[in-house]
């Protein structure tokens, strides 16, 4: 949430939309990281 704060402040009225997009991006990055971790774990 610390990363989302500056973008939300700049957005102003679009804060809710910006936060939703940021959450989606963060979730996507987290999912990708988790998938790559699982793939690397299986290789061992």
N, C-alpha and C. Protein backbone atom coordinates (compact mmCIF):
# COMPACT_ATOMS: atom_id res chain seq x y z
N UNK A 1 0.84 -1.22 0.00
CA UNK A 1 0.00 0.00 0.00
C UNK A 1 0.87 1.26 0.00
N UNK A 2 2.10 1.15 0.51
CA UNK A 2 3.00 2.31 0.54
C UNK A 2 3.30 2.78 -0.89
N UNK A 3 3.43 1.82 -1.82
CA UNK A 3 3.73 2.15 -3.21
C UNK A 3 2.53 2.83 -3.87
N UNK A 4 1.31 2.43 -3.46
CA UNK A 4 0.09 2.95 -4.09
C UNK A 4 -0.18 4.42 -3.70
N UNK A 5 0.27 4.84 -2.53
CA UNK A 5 -0.09 6.16 -2.01
C UNK A 5 0.28 7.32 -2.93
N UNK A 6 1.52 7.44 -3.42
CA UNK A 6 1.87 8.60 -4.26
C UNK A 6 1.02 8.68 -5.53
N UNK A 7 0.78 7.54 -6.18
CA UNK A 7 -0.01 7.52 -7.42
C UNK A 7 -1.44 7.96 -7.13
N UNK A 8 -1.99 7.49 -6.01
CA UNK A 8 -3.36 7.85 -5.65
C UNK A 8 -3.48 9.35 -5.39
N UNK A 9 -2.46 9.94 -4.74
CA UNK A 9 -2.50 11.38 -4.46
C UNK A 9 -2.46 12.18 -5.75
N UNK A 10 -1.64 11.73 -6.72
CA UNK A 10 -1.56 12.44 -8.00
C UNK A 10 -2.88 12.30 -8.75
N UNK A 11 -3.51 11.13 -8.66
CA UNK A 11 -4.75 10.85 -9.38
C UNK A 11 -5.89 11.74 -8.93
N UNK A 12 -5.98 12.04 -7.62
CA UNK A 12 -7.04 12.91 -7.11
C UNK A 12 -8.39 12.24 -7.17
N UNK A 13 -9.27 12.69 -8.09
CA UNK A 13 -10.62 12.14 -8.20
C UNK A 13 -10.59 10.69 -8.70
N UNK A 14 -9.55 10.35 -9.45
CA UNK A 14 -9.44 9.00 -10.02
C UNK A 14 -8.78 8.03 -9.03
N UNK A 15 -8.76 8.39 -7.75
CA UNK A 15 -8.07 7.60 -6.74
C UNK A 15 -8.58 6.17 -6.69
N UNK A 16 -9.91 5.99 -6.69
CA UNK A 16 -10.48 4.64 -6.58
C UNK A 16 -10.08 3.78 -7.77
N UNK A 17 -10.16 4.35 -8.98
CA UNK A 17 -9.80 3.60 -10.19
C UNK A 17 -8.32 3.27 -10.17
N UNK A 18 -7.48 4.26 -9.81
CA UNK A 18 -6.04 4.05 -9.76
C UNK A 18 -5.67 2.98 -8.76
N UNK A 19 -6.31 2.99 -7.60
CA UNK A 19 -6.01 2.00 -6.56
C UNK A 19 -6.39 0.61 -7.04
N UNK A 20 -7.53 0.49 -7.72
CA UNK A 20 -7.98 -0.81 -8.23
C UNK A 20 -6.98 -1.35 -9.24
N UNK A 21 -6.50 -0.48 -10.13
CA UNK A 21 -5.52 -0.89 -11.14
C UNK A 21 -4.21 -1.31 -10.45
N UNK A 22 -3.80 -0.53 -9.46
CA UNK A 22 -2.56 -0.85 -8.74
C UNK A 22 -2.67 -2.19 -8.02
N UNK A 23 -3.83 -2.45 -7.41
CA UNK A 23 -4.04 -3.74 -6.73
C UNK A 23 -3.98 -4.88 -7.75
N UNK A 24 -4.60 -4.67 -8.93
CA UNK A 24 -4.57 -5.70 -9.98
C UNK A 24 -3.14 -5.96 -10.43
N UNK A 25 -2.37 -4.88 -10.64
CA UNK A 25 -0.98 -5.02 -11.06
C UNK A 25 -0.16 -5.75 -10.00
N UNK A 26 -0.34 -5.34 -8.75
CA UNK A 26 0.40 -5.96 -7.65
C UNK A 26 0.04 -7.45 -7.55
N UNK A 27 -1.25 -7.77 -7.72
CA UNK A 27 -1.70 -9.16 -7.66
C UNK A 27 -1.09 -9.96 -8.81
N UNK A 28 -1.04 -9.36 -10.01
CA UNK A 28 -0.46 -10.03 -11.17
C UNK A 28 1.03 -10.30 -10.98
N UNK A 29 1.75 -9.31 -10.46
CA UNK A 29 3.19 -9.46 -10.20
C UNK A 29 3.41 -10.53 -9.14
N UNK A 30 2.57 -10.54 -8.10
CA UNK A 30 2.68 -11.54 -7.04
C UNK A 30 2.44 -12.93 -7.59
N UNK A 31 1.43 -13.06 -8.47
CA UNK A 31 1.10 -14.36 -9.07
C UNK A 31 2.26 -14.86 -9.93
N UNK A 32 2.83 -13.94 -10.74
CA UNK A 32 3.97 -14.32 -11.59
C UNK A 32 5.15 -14.76 -10.74
N UNK A 33 5.43 -14.03 -9.67
CA UNK A 33 6.54 -14.37 -8.79
C UNK A 33 6.31 -15.74 -8.16
N UNK A 34 5.06 -16.00 -7.75
CA UNK A 34 4.72 -17.28 -7.12
C UNK A 34 4.88 -18.41 -8.13
N UNK A 35 4.43 -18.19 -9.37
CA UNK A 35 4.54 -19.22 -10.42
C UNK A 35 6.00 -19.53 -10.72
N UNK A 36 6.83 -18.50 -10.85
CA UNK A 36 8.25 -18.73 -11.14
C UNK A 36 8.92 -19.44 -9.97
N UNK A 37 8.52 -19.11 -8.74
CA UNK A 37 9.08 -19.76 -7.56
C UNK A 37 8.74 -21.24 -7.57
N UNK A 38 7.48 -21.57 -7.90
CA UNK A 38 7.04 -22.97 -7.94
C UNK A 38 7.80 -23.72 -9.04
N UNK A 39 7.97 -23.09 -10.20
CA UNK A 39 8.70 -23.73 -11.31
C UNK A 39 10.14 -24.01 -10.90
N UNK A 40 10.79 -23.03 -10.27
CA UNK A 40 12.18 -23.20 -9.84
C UNK A 40 12.27 -24.27 -8.76
N UNK A 41 11.25 -24.34 -7.90
CA UNK A 41 11.24 -25.31 -6.81
C UNK A 41 11.12 -26.73 -7.37
N UNK A 42 10.35 -26.91 -8.43
CA UNK A 42 10.17 -28.23 -9.03
C UNK A 42 11.44 -28.73 -9.72
N UNK A 43 12.25 -27.80 -10.24
CA UNK A 43 13.49 -28.17 -10.94
C UNK A 43 14.49 -28.84 -10.01
N UNK A 44 14.46 -28.48 -8.71
CA UNK A 44 15.45 -29.00 -7.76
C UNK A 44 15.31 -30.52 -7.60
